[in-house]
C-alpha atoms as a PDB file:
ATOM      1  CA  UNK A   1      -0.011   0.084  -0.050  1.00  0.00           C
ATOM      2  CA  UNK A   2       2.804   2.358   0.875  1.00  0.00           C
ATOM      3  CA  UNK A   3       4.987   1.791  -2.154  1.00  0.00           C
ATOM      4  CA  UNK A   4       2.641   0.644  -4.823  1.00  0.00           C
ATOM      5  CA  UNK A   5      -0.502   2.621  -4.043  1.00  0.00           C
ATOM      6  CA  UNK A   6       1.149   5.759  -2.514  1.00  0.00           C
ATOM      7  CA  UNK A   7      -0.950   5.372   0.499  1.00  0.00           C
ATOM      8  CA  UNK A   8       0.162   7.439   3.569  1.00  0.00           C
ATOM      9  CA  UNK A   9       1.165   5.878   6.761  1.00  0.00           C
ATOM     10  CA  UNK A  10      -2.071   7.246   8.507  1.00  0.00           C
ATOM     11  CA  UNK A  11      -4.202   5.776   5.772  1.00  0.00           C
ATOM     12  CA  UNK A  12      -2.703   2.368   6.168  1.00  0.00           C
ATOM     13  CA  UNK A  13      -2.945   2.524   9.958  1.00  0.00           C
ATOM     14  CA  UNK A  14      -6.592   3.185   9.634  1.00  0.00           C
ATOM     15  CA  UNK A  15      -7.115   0.534   7.005  1.00  0.00           C
ATOM     16  CA  UNK A  16      -5.275  -2.379   8.715  1.00  0.00           C
ATOM     17  CA  UNK A  17      -6.160  -1.419  12.331  1.00  0.00           C
ATOM     18  CA  UNK A  18      -2.519  -0.849  13.615  1.00  0.00           C
ATOM     19  CA  UNK A  19      -1.024   2.182  15.204  1.00  0.00           C
ATOM     20  CA  UNK A  20       0.953   4.631  12.834  1.00  0.00           C
ATOM     21  CA  UNK A  21       4.209   3.963  14.731  1.00  0.00           C
ATOM     22  CA  UNK A  22       3.574   0.146  14.102  1.00  0.00           C
ATOM     23  CA  UNK A  23       3.046   0.789  10.461  1.00  0.00           C
ATOM     24  CA  UNK A  24       6.271   2.813  10.393  1.00  0.00           C
ATOM     25  CA  UNK A  25       8.276   0.082  12.250  1.00  0.00           C
ATOM     26  CA  UNK A  26       6.852  -2.579   9.654  1.00  0.00           C
ATOM     27  CA  UNK A  27       8.059  -0.511   6.891  1.00  0.00           C
ATOM     28  CA  UNK A  28      11.492  -0.002   8.325  1.00  0.00           C
ATOM     29  CA  UNK A  29      11.646  -3.825   8.909  1.00  0.00           C
ATOM     30  CA  UNK A  30      10.710  -4.425   5.254  1.00  0.00           C
ATOM     31  CA  UNK A  31      13.576  -2.536   3.883  1.00  0.00           C
ATOM     32  CA  UNK A  32      15.932  -3.962   6.518  1.00  0.00           C
ATOM     33  CA  UNK A  33      14.931  -7.495   5.781  1.00  0.00           C
ATOM     34  CA  UNK A  34      15.288  -7.094   1.971  1.00  0.00           C
ATOM     35  CA  UNK A  35      11.622  -7.349   1.157  1.00  0.00           C
ATOM     36  CA  UNK A  36      11.810  -3.848  -0.273  1.00  0.00           C
ATOM     37  CA  UNK A  37      14.712  -2.718  -2.557  1.00  0.00           C
ATOM     38  CA  UNK A  38      14.915   0.915  -3.563  1.00  0.00           C
ATOM     39  CA  UNK A  39      17.160   2.249  -6.472  1.00  0.00           C
ATOM     40  CA  UNK A  40      17.749   5.633  -7.803  1.00  0.00           C
ATOM     41  CA  UNK A  41      19.078   6.377 -11.175  1.00  0.00           C
ATOM     42  CA  UNK A  42      19.609   9.602 -13.030  1.00  0.00           C
ATOM     43  CA  UNK A  43      17.498  10.284 -16.183  1.00  0.00           C
ATOM     44  CA  UNK A  44      19.099   9.170 -19.347  1.00  0.00           C
ATOM     45  CA  UNK A  45      20.983  12.065 -21.098  1.00  0.00           C
ATOM     46  CA  UNK A  46      19.721  11.056 -24.340  1.00  0.00           C
ATOM     47  CA  UNK A  47      15.974  11.348 -23.145  1.00  0.00           C
ATOM     48  CA  UNK A  48      16.651  14.882 -21.726  1.00  0.00           C
ATOM     49  CA  UNK A  49      18.201  15.955 -25.079  1.00  0.00           C
ATOM     50  CA  UNK A  50      15.245  14.514 -27.142  1.00  0.00           C
ATOM     51  CA  UNK A  51      12.755  16.168 -24.838  1.00  0.00           C
ATOM     52  CA  UNK A  52      14.447  19.456 -25.407  1.00  0.00           C
ATOM     53  CA  UNK A  53      14.747  18.889 -29.294  1.00  0.00           C
ATOM     54  CA  UNK A  54      10.899  17.872 -29.326  1.00  0.00           C
ATOM     55  CA  UNK A  55       9.993  21.106 -27.593  1.00  0.00           C
ATOM     56  CA  UNK A  56      12.097  23.112 -29.911  1.00  0.00           C
ATOM     57  CA  UNK A  57      11.085  21.475 -33.263  1.00  0.00           C
ATOM     58  CA  UNK A  58       7.358  21.111 -32.463  1.00  0.00           C
ATOM     59  CA  UNK A  59       6.856  24.152 -30.121  1.00  0.00           C
ATOM     60  CA  UNK A  60       5.703  22.074 -27.224  1.00  0.00           C
ATOM     61  CA  UNK A  61       5.551  23.277 -23.583  1.00  0.00           C
ATOM     62  CA  UNK A  62       6.095  19.813 -22.217  1.00  0.00           C
ATOM     63  CA  UNK A  63       7.920  16.857 -23.862  1.00  0.00           C
ATOM     64  CA  UNK A  64       8.356  13.581 -21.844  1.00  0.00           C
ATOM     65  CA  UNK A  65      10.593  10.995 -23.262  1.00  0.00           C
ATOM     66  CA  UNK A  66      10.702   7.623 -21.427  1.00  0.00           C
ATOM     67  CA  UNK A  67      13.933   5.404 -21.609  1.00  0.00           C
ATOM     68  CA  UNK A  68      12.441   2.044 -21.809  1.00  0.00           C
ATOM     69  CA  UNK A  69      14.331  -0.668 -19.780  1.00  0.00           C
ATOM     70  CA  UNK A  70      14.808  -4.152 -21.422  1.00  0.00           C
ATOM     71  CA  UNK A  71      12.007  -5.870 -19.479  1.00  0.00           C
ATOM     72  CA  UNK A  72       9.574  -2.916 -19.430  1.00  0.00           C
ATOM     73  CA  UNK A  73       6.763  -2.234 -21.874  1.00  0.00           C
ATOM     74  CA  UNK A  74       6.570   1.236 -23.609  1.00  0.00           C
ATOM     75  CA  UNK A  75       3.118   1.633 -22.265  1.00  0.00           C
ATOM     76  CA  UNK A  76       4.208   1.219 -18.733  1.00  0.00           C
ATOM     77  CA  UNK A  77       7.250   3.514 -18.994  1.00  0.00           C
ATOM     78  CA  UNK A  78       5.481   6.395 -20.692  1.00  0.00           C
ATOM     79  CA  UNK A  79       2.469   6.070 -18.515  1.00  0.00           C
ATOM     80  CA  UNK A  80       4.571   6.429 -15.323  1.00  0.00           C
ATOM     81  CA  UNK A  81       6.327   9.419 -16.626  1.00  0.00           C
ATOM     82  CA  UNK A  82       3.034  11.211 -17.677  1.00  0.00           C
ATOM     83  CA  UNK A  83       1.243  10.334 -14.559  1.00  0.00           C
ATOM     84  CA  UNK A  84       4.032  11.774 -12.340  1.00  0.00           C
ATOM     85  CA  UNK A  85       3.963  14.984 -14.537  1.00  0.00           C
ATOM     86  CA  UNK A  86       0.223  15.278 -14.149  1.00  0.00           C
ATOM     87  CA  UNK A  87       0.387  14.717 -10.455  1.00  0.00           C
ATOM     88  CA  UNK A  88       3.076  17.560 -10.151  1.00  0.00           C
ATOM     89  CA  UNK A  89       0.930  19.857 -12.377  1.00  0.00           C
ATOM     90  CA  UNK A  90      -2.460  19.308 -10.824  1.00  0.00           C
ATOM     91  CA  UNK A  91      -3.848  20.149  -7.483  1.00  0.00           C
ATOM     92  CA  UNK A  92      -6.947  19.421  -5.371  1.00  0.00           C
ATOM     93  CA  UNK A  93      -9.212  21.745  -7.696  1.00  0.00           C
ATOM     94  CA  UNK A  94      -7.894  20.547 -11.053  1.00  0.00           C
ATOM     95  CA  UNK A  95     -10.420  19.686 -13.746  1.00  0.00           C
ATOM     96  CA  UNK A  96      -9.135  17.004 -16.163  1.00  0.00           C
ATOM     97  CA  UNK A  97     -10.677  16.148 -19.567  1.00  0.00           C
ATOM     98  CA  UNK A  98     -10.160  12.526 -20.676  1.00  0.00           C
ATOM     99  CA  UNK A  99     -10.352  10.954 -24.162  1.00  0.00           C
ATOM    100  CA  UNK A 100     -10.029   7.156 -24.741  1.00  0.00           C
ATOM    101  CA  UNK A 101      -7.641   4.424 -25.816  1.00  0.00           C
ATOM    102  CA  UNK A 102      -5.171   2.032 -24.494  1.00  0.00           C
ATOM    103  CA  UNK A 103      -2.413   4.765 -23.787  1.00  0.00           C
ATOM    104  CA  UNK A 104      -4.897   6.500 -21.512  1.00  0.00           C
ATOM    105  CA  UNK A 105      -5.713   3.066 -19.772  1.00  0.00           C
ATOM    106  CA  UNK A 106      -2.025   2.749 -19.010  1.00  0.00           C
ATOM    107  CA  UNK A 107      -1.983   6.346 -17.650  1.00  0.00           C
ATOM    108  CA  UNK A 108      -4.878   5.797 -15.354  1.00  0.00           C
ATOM    109  CA  UNK A 109      -3.365   2.616 -14.036  1.00  0.00           C
ATOM    110  CA  UNK A 110      -0.056   4.384 -13.346  1.00  0.00           C
ATOM    111  CA  UNK A 111      -1.614   7.621 -11.727  1.00  0.00           C
ATOM    112  CA  UNK A 112      -0.638   7.890  -8.059  1.00  0.00           C
ATOM    113  CA  UNK A 113      -3.577   8.200  -5.597  1.00  0.00           C
ATOM    114  CA  UNK A 114      -4.239  11.657  -4.605  1.00  0.00           C
ATOM    115  CA  UNK A 115      -6.501  13.420  -2.198  1.00  0.00           C
ATOM    116  CA  UNK A 116      -7.893  16.056  -4.654  1.00  0.00           C
ATOM    117  CA  UNK A 117     -11.201  16.265  -3.117  1.00  0.00           C
ATOM    118  CA  UNK A 118     -12.479  18.996  -5.376  1.00  0.00           C
ATOM    119  CA  UNK A 119     -11.039  17.748  -8.491  1.00  0.00           C
ATOM    120  CA  UNK A 120     -13.137  16.633 -11.496  1.00  0.00           C
ATOM    121  CA  UNK A 121     -12.693  14.279 -14.467  1.00  0.00           C
ATOM    122  CA  UNK A 122     -14.726  15.159 -17.405  1.00  0.00           C
ATOM    123  CA  UNK A 123     -15.508  12.709 -20.301  1.00  0.00           C
ATOM    124  CA  UNK A 124     -14.668  14.581 -23.596  1.00  0.00           C
ATOM    125  CA  UNK A 125     -15.602  11.797 -26.030  1.00  0.00           C
ATOM    126  CA  UNK A 126     -18.827   9.676 -26.230  1.00  0.00           C
ATOM    127  CA  UNK A 127     -18.798   5.948 -25.214  1.00  0.00           C
ATOM    128  CA  UNK A 128     -17.672   3.171 -27.490  1.00  0.00           C
ATOM    129  CA  UNK A 129     -20.245   0.856 -25.879  1.00  0.00           C
ATOM    130  CA  UNK A 130     -18.592  -2.271 -27.099  1.00  0.00           C
ATOM    131  CA  UNK A 131     -18.184  -3.875 -23.748  1.00  0.00           C
ATOM    132  CA  UNK A 132     -14.488  -4.777 -24.604  1.00  0.00           C
ATOM    133  CA  UNK A 133     -12.283  -3.702 -21.827  1.00  0.00           C
ATOM    134  CA  UNK A 134      -9.336  -3.737 -24.076  1.00  0.00           C
ATOM    135  CA  UNK A 135     -10.650  -0.882 -26.071  1.00  0.00           C
ATOM    136  CA  UNK A 136     -10.441   1.398 -22.999  1.00  0.00           C
ATOM    137  CA  UNK A 137     -13.758   3.175 -23.156  1.00  0.00           C
ATOM    138  CA  UNK A 138     -13.861   6.825 -21.915  1.00  0.00           C
ATOM    139  CA  UNK A 139     -16.646   6.269 -19.289  1.00  0.00           C
ATOM    140  CA  UNK A 140     -14.699   3.757 -17.348  1.00  0.00           C
ATOM    141  CA  UNK A 141     -11.425   5.424 -17.745  1.00  0.00           C
ATOM    142  CA  UNK A 142     -12.889   8.855 -16.382  1.00  0.00           C
ATOM    143  CA  UNK A 143     -14.572   6.905 -13.443  1.00  0.00           C
ATOM    144  CA  UNK A 144     -11.231   5.092 -12.621  1.00  0.00           C
ATOM    145  CA  UNK A 145      -9.293   8.308 -12.712  1.00  0.00           C
ATOM    146  CA  UNK A 146     -11.700  10.133 -10.607  1.00  0.00           C
ATOM    147  CA  UNK A 147     -11.372   7.335  -7.976  1.00  0.00           C
ATOM    148  CA  UNK A 148      -7.689   7.554  -7.996  1.00  0.00           C
ATOM    149  CA  UNK A 149      -7.773  11.386  -7.589  1.00  0.00           C
ATOM    150  CA  UNK A 150     -10.478  11.305  -4.976  1.00  0.00           C
ATOM    151  CA  UNK A 151     -12.637  13.614  -6.946  1.00  0.00           C
ATOM    152  CA  UNK A 152     -15.786  13.517  -9.168  1.00  0.00           C
ATOM    153  CA  UNK A 153     -16.578  12.297 -12.609  1.00  0.00           C
ATOM    154  CA  UNK A 154     -18.700  14.073 -15.143  1.00  0.00           C
ATOM    155  CA  UNK A 155     -19.974  11.773 -17.955  1.00  0.00           C
ATOM    156  CA  UNK A 156     -21.009  12.349 -21.442  1.00  0.00           C
ATOM    157  CA  UNK A 157     -23.791   9.936 -21.779  1.00  0.00           C
ATOM    158  CA  UNK A 158     -23.888   9.509 -25.586  1.00  0.00           C
ATOM    159  CA  UNK A 159     -22.393   6.946 -28.000  1.00  0.00           C
ATOM    160  CA  UNK A 160     -19.151   7.962 -29.630  1.00  0.00           C
ATOM    161  CA  UNK A 161     -20.737   7.933 -33.084  1.00  0.00           C
ATOM    162  CA  UNK A 162     -24.448   8.374 -33.858  1.00  0.00           C
ATOM    163  CA  UNK A 163     -26.453   7.015 -36.798  1.00  0.00           C
ATOM    164  CA  UNK A 164     -26.932  10.291 -38.785  1.00  0.00           C
ATOM    165  CA  UNK A 165     -25.805  13.825 -38.923  1.00  0.00           C
ATOM    166  CA  UNK A 166     -29.275  15.074 -37.990  1.00  0.00           C
ATOM    167  CA  UNK A 167     -29.333  12.929 -34.864  1.00  0.00           C
ATOM    168  CA  UNK A 168     -25.862  14.082 -33.774  1.00  0.00           C
ATOM    169  CA  UNK A 169     -26.741  17.724 -34.447  1.00  0.00           C
ATOM    170  CA  UNK A 170     -29.743  17.588 -32.323  1.00  0.00           C
ATOM    171  CA  UNK A 171     -27.954  15.540 -29.488  1.00  0.00           C
ATOM    172  CA  UNK A 172     -25.326  18.293 -29.309  1.00  0.00           C
ATOM    173  CA  UNK A 173     -28.043  20.733 -28.267  1.00  0.00           C
ATOM    174  CA  UNK A 174     -29.098  18.596 -25.179  1.00  0.00           C
ATOM    175  CA  UNK A 175     -28.175  20.337 -21.986  1.00  0.00           C
ATOM    176  CA  UNK A 176     -26.258  17.450 -20.383  1.00  0.00           C
ATOM    177  CA  UNK A 177     -24.044  17.169 -23.628  1.00  0.00           C
ATOM    178  CA  UNK A 178     -23.615  20.929 -23.934  1.00  0.00           C
ATOM    179  CA  UNK A 179     -22.653  21.177 -20.399  1.00  0.00           C
ATOM    180  CA  UNK A 180     -20.167  18.295 -20.314  1.00  0.00           C
ATOM    181  CA  UNK A 181     -18.458  19.454 -23.552  1.00  0.00           C
ATOM    182  CA  UNK A 182     -18.297  23.104 -22.298  1.00  0.00           C
ATOM    183  CA  UNK A 183     -16.733  21.798 -18.970  1.00  0.00           C
ATOM    184  CA  UNK A 184     -14.178  19.757 -20.941  1.00  0.00           C
ATOM    185  CA  UNK A 185     -13.267  22.858 -23.015  1.00  0.00           C
ATOM    186  CA  UNK A 186     -12.575  24.793 -19.723  1.00  0.00           C
ATOM    187  CA  UNK A 187     -10.466  22.060 -18.099  1.00  0.00           C
ATOM    188  CA  UNK A 188      -7.031  22.739 -16.673  1.00  0.00           C
ATOM    189  CA  UNK A 189      -5.593  19.470 -18.274  1.00  0.00           C
ATOM    190  CA  UNK A 190      -6.622  17.420 -21.263  1.00  0.00           C
ATOM    191  CA  UNK A 191      -5.187  13.926 -21.836  1.00  0.00           C
ATOM    192  CA  UNK A 192      -5.590  12.269 -25.274  1.00  0.00           C
ATOM    193  CA  UNK A 193      -4.389   9.286 -27.308  1.00  0.00           C
ATOM    194  CA  UNK A 194      -3.501   9.592 -30.953  1.00  0.00           C
ATOM    195  CA  UNK A 195      -5.051   7.205 -33.502  1.00  0.00           C
ATOM    196  CA  UNK A 196      -3.314   6.189 -36.680  1.00  0.00           C
ATOM    197  CA  UNK A 197      -4.993   5.625 -40.116  1.00  0.00           C
ATOM    198  CA  UNK A 198      -3.437   2.683 -42.099  1.00  0.00           C
ATOM    199  CA  UNK A 199      -3.030   2.522 -45.929  1.00  0.00           C
ATOM    200  CA  UNK A 200      -6.493   0.953 -46.155  1.00  0.00           C
ATOM    201  CA  UNK A 201      -8.119   3.979 -44.687  1.00  0.00           C
ATOM    202  CA  UNK A 202      -8.867   2.079 -41.323  1.00  0.00           C
ATOM    203  CA  UNK A 203      -8.632   4.038 -38.174  1.00  0.00           C
ATOM    204  CA  UNK A 204      -8.104   1.209 -35.638  1.00  0.00           C
ATOM    205  CA  UNK A 205     -10.316  -0.657 -33.202  1.00  0.00           C
ATOM    206  CA  UNK A 206     -11.944   2.248 -31.420  1.00  0.00           C
ATOM    207  CA  UNK A 207     -13.436   3.725 -34.749  1.00  0.00           C
ATOM    208  CA  UNK A 208     -13.315   0.613 -36.706  1.00  0.00           C
ATOM    209  CA  UNK A 209     -16.775  -0.595 -35.832  1.00  0.00           C
ATOM    210  CA  UNK A 210     -18.297   2.614 -37.287  1.00  0.00           C
ATOM    211  CA  UNK A 211     -16.461   2.326 -40.665  1.00  0.00           C
ATOM    212  CA  UNK A 212     -17.832   1.005 -43.781  1.00  0.00           C
ATOM    213  CA  UNK A 213     -16.329   1.069 -47.415  1.00  0.00           C
ATOM    214  CA  UNK A 214     -17.751   4.526 -48.052  1.00  0.00           C
ATOM    215  CA  UNK A 215     -15.963   5.892 -44.849  1.00  0.00           C
ATOM    216  CA  UNK A 216     -12.629   4.288 -45.553  1.00  0.00           C
ATOM    217  CA  UNK A 217     -12.736   5.347 -49.222  1.00  0.00           C
ATOM    218  CA  UNK A 218     -13.415   8.895 -47.943  1.00  0.00           C
ATOM    219  CA  UNK A 219     -10.348   8.892 -45.559  1.00  0.00           C
ATOM    220  CA  UNK A 220      -8.186   7.516 -48.279  1.00  0.00           C
ATOM    221  CA  UNK A 221      -9.383  10.223 -50.618  1.00  0.00           C
ATOM    222  CA  UNK A 222      -8.856  13.197 -48.272  1.00  0.00           C
ATOM    223  CA  UNK A 223      -5.377  11.876 -47.040  1.00  0.00           C
ATOM    224  CA  UNK A 224      -6.303  11.185 -43.446  1.00  0.00           C
ATOM    225  CA  UNK A 225      -3.320   9.828 -41.478  1.00  0.00           C
ATOM    226  CA  UNK A 226      -4.354  10.524 -37.861  1.00  0.00           C
ATOM    227  CA  UNK A 227      -7.361  10.921 -35.549  1.00  0.00           C
ATOM    228  CA  UNK A 228      -7.770  12.811 -32.298  1.00  0.00           C
ATOM    229  CA  UNK A 229     -10.964  12.769 -30.183  1.00  0.00           C
ATOM    230  CA  UNK A 230     -12.739  11.115 -33.153  1.00  0.00           C
ATOM    231  CA  UNK A 231     -11.602  13.780 -35.556  1.00  0.00           C
ATOM    232  CA  UNK A 232      -9.431  13.312 -38.518  1.00  0.00           C
ATOM    233  CA  UNK A 233      -6.113  15.059 -39.710  1.00  0.00           C
ATOM    234  CA  UNK A 234      -3.880  15.004 -42.765  1.00  0.00           C
ATOM    235  CA  UNK A 235      -0.205  14.778 -42.841  1.00  0.00           C
ATOM    236  CA  UNK A 236       0.124  18.586 -42.737  1.00  0.00           C
ATOM    237  CA  UNK A 237      -1.967  18.759 -39.430  1.00  0.00           C
ATOM    238  CA  UNK A 238      -5.227  20.084 -41.169  1.00  0.00           C
ATOM    239  CA  UNK A 239      -8.443  19.084 -39.537  1.00  0.00           C
ATOM    240  CA  UNK A 240     -10.454  17.175 -42.167  1.00  0.00           C
ATOM    241  CA  UNK A 241     -14.318  17.502 -41.969  1.00  0.00           C
ATOM    242  CA  UNK A 242     -15.460  13.963 -42.887  1.00  0.00           C
ATOM    243  CA  UNK A 243     -18.969  12.441 -42.759  1.00  0.00           C
ATOM    244  CA  UNK A 244     -17.943  10.483 -39.672  1.00  0.00           C
ATOM    245  CA  UNK A 245     -16.753  13.572 -37.960  1.00  0.00           C
ATOM    246  CA  UNK A 246     -20.242  14.999 -38.427  1.00  0.00           C
ATOM    247  CA  UNK A 247     -21.698  11.997 -36.519  1.00  0.00           C
ATOM    248  CA  UNK A 248     -19.065  11.946 -33.898  1.00  0.00           C
ATOM    249  CA  UNK A 249     -19.857  13.014 -30.299  1.00  0.00           C
ATOM    250  CA  UNK A 250     -16.706  14.769 -29.049  1.00  0.00           C
ATOM    251  CA  UNK A 251     -15.317  18.026 -28.056  1.00  0.00           C
ATOM    252  CA  UNK A 252     -14.247  19.902 -31.227  1.00  0.00           C
ATOM    253  CA  UNK A 253     -10.375  19.694 -31.498  1.00  0.00           C
ATOM    254  CA  UNK A 254     -10.106  23.448 -31.882  1.00  0.00           C
ATOM    255  CA  UNK A 255     -11.490  23.853 -28.316  1.00  0.00           C
ATOM    256  CA  UNK A 256      -8.290  22.304 -26.971  1.00  0.00           C
ATOM    257  CA  UNK A 257      -6.744  25.770 -27.410  1.00  0.00           C
ATOM    258  CA  UNK A 258      -8.413  27.056 -24.323  1.00  0.00           C
ATOM    259  CA  UNK A 259      -7.121  24.429 -22.047  1.00  0.00           C
ATOM    260  CA  UNK A 260      -3.752  24.943 -19.959  1.00  0.00           C
ATOM    261  CA  UNK A 261      -2.010  21.731 -20.766  1.00  0.00           C
ATOM    262  CA  UNK A 262      -3.101  19.375 -23.568  1.00  0.00           C
ATOM    263  CA  UNK A 263      -0.946  16.262 -23.409  1.00  0.00           C
ATOM    264  CA  UNK A 264      -1.121  13.502 -26.036  1.00  0.00           C
ATOM    265  CA  UNK A 265       0.355  10.019 -25.108  1.00  0.00           C
ATOM    266  CA  UNK A 266       1.429   7.823 -27.951  1.00  0.00           C
ATOM    267  CA  UNK A 267       4.261   5.658 -29.218  1.00  0.00           C
ATOM    268  CA  UNK A 268       5.247   3.071 -31.693  1.00  0.00           C
ATOM    269  CA  UNK A 269       6.844   3.058 -35.159  1.00  0.00           C
ATOM    270  CA  UNK A 270       3.486   2.668 -36.795  1.00  0.00           C
ATOM    271  CA  UNK A 271       2.127   5.778 -35.165  1.00  0.00           C
ATOM    272  CA  UNK A 272       4.896   8.180 -36.141  1.00  0.00           C
ATOM    273  CA  UNK A 273       3.137   9.772 -39.027  1.00  0.00           C
ATOM    274  CA  UNK A 274       0.019  10.261 -36.988  1.00  0.00           C
ATOM    275  CA  UNK A 275       1.830  11.627 -34.104  1.00  0.00           C
ATOM    276  CA  UNK A 276       3.763  13.991 -36.374  1.00  0.00           C
ATOM    277  CA  UNK A 277       0.441  15.241 -37.956  1.00  0.00           C
ATOM    278  CA  UNK A 278      -1.121  15.958 -34.748  1.00  0.00           C
ATOM    279  CA  UNK A 279       1.885  17.866 -33.533  1.00  0.00           C
ATOM    280  CA  UNK A 280       1.870  19.877 -36.770  1.00  0.00           C
ATOM    281  CA  UNK A 281      -1.867  20.787 -36.051  1.00  0.00           C
ATOM    282  CA  UNK A 282      -0.651  22.962 -33.156  1.00  0.00           C
ATOM    283  CA  UNK A 283      -3.474  21.746 -30.944  1.00  0.00           C
ATOM    284  CA  UNK A 284      -1.463  20.048 -28.149  1.00  0.00           C
ATOM    285  CA  UNK A 285       1.187  21.493 -25.772  1.00  0.00           C
ATOM    286  CA  UNK A 286       2.441  18.371 -24.441  1.00  0.00           C
ATOM    287  CA  UNK A 287       3.613  14.887 -25.617  1.00  0.00           C
ATOM    288  CA  UNK A 288       4.547  11.835 -23.657  1.00  0.00           C
ATOM    289  CA  UNK A 289       6.265   9.103 -25.759  1.00  0.00           C
ATOM    290  CA  UNK A 290       9.187   6.601 -25.658  1.00  0.00           C
ATOM    291  CA  UNK A 291      12.805   7.181 -26.724  1.00  0.00           C
ATOM    292  CA  UNK A 292      12.656   5.219 -30.020  1.00  0.00           C
ATOM    293  CA  UNK A 293       9.422   7.089 -31.117  1.00  0.00           C
ATOM    294  CA  UNK A 294      10.978  10.420 -30.185  1.00  0.00           C
ATOM    295  CA  UNK A 295      14.015   9.858 -32.352  1.00  0.00           C
ATOM    296  CA  UNK A 296      11.808   8.924 -35.369  1.00  0.00           C
ATOM    297  CA  UNK A 297       9.572  11.989 -34.732  1.00  0.00           C
ATOM    298  CA  UNK A 298      12.766  14.200 -34.800  1.00  0.00           C
ATOM    299  CA  UNK A 299      13.807  12.567 -38.174  1.00  0.00           C
ATOM    300  CA  UNK A 300      10.323  12.988 -39.474  1.00  0.00           C
ATOM    301  CA  UNK A 301       9.928  16.670 -38.737  1.00  0.00           C
END
């Protein structure tokens, strides 16, 4: 509880029924007996240099580059780095808007527990509704993050993609949708994943169920390479207004400009063109990635 969940000695004492001095003694004995090993290492110089270069090349406020150890997954290393940055940046009144995806699932899992009683987590995209936990649906992520922060969760109770443009337009006028999206646009921190479009015009598993041949043909025709919050972008970072975007229930990407820290979390060779496109769009102010992806992004610029 102390080392893995960031619980305080007082919290542990109340939970297990021991006194605080007893908890302190047990923690000391754990280190002395060898049960707990603590190592401190300096950040890799290469990562620090790549962070600086990413900030300079792409005009970022925050660049986090994780040096991945041999037996560590990139998701774990990047998520840990991003979660510590958010913990340092946030406070008990922080409002955090959250998208969806596997990178954010890793982030939520890595986020240290806080006592941010007046904080709030706001769902900025609709629900996938597939029931597949691997797709990391936004409602569950937001609920889990709010629990880790000790604050509240504001849902966006609509599907990610609706059946028609008319229904989507009408749904956006509903008070609960308007309010949630407005709160998301006024958040202190926004956390997002980046989706890549493959050569077939397929946007991956989150938007995949909503795609047909007409939609994939359209994405190929307009040159879409990335998606952010359900909206598509070309290689130059231009927001593409597609037929699917018109049916997507999510905050408009342009509204990210009003948020203090907009951090994308993404990594992997296959995602480099997509990440570069989103960076060129100028909508995000922070990026968390791994060292190999950072090097490719710098070569790609």
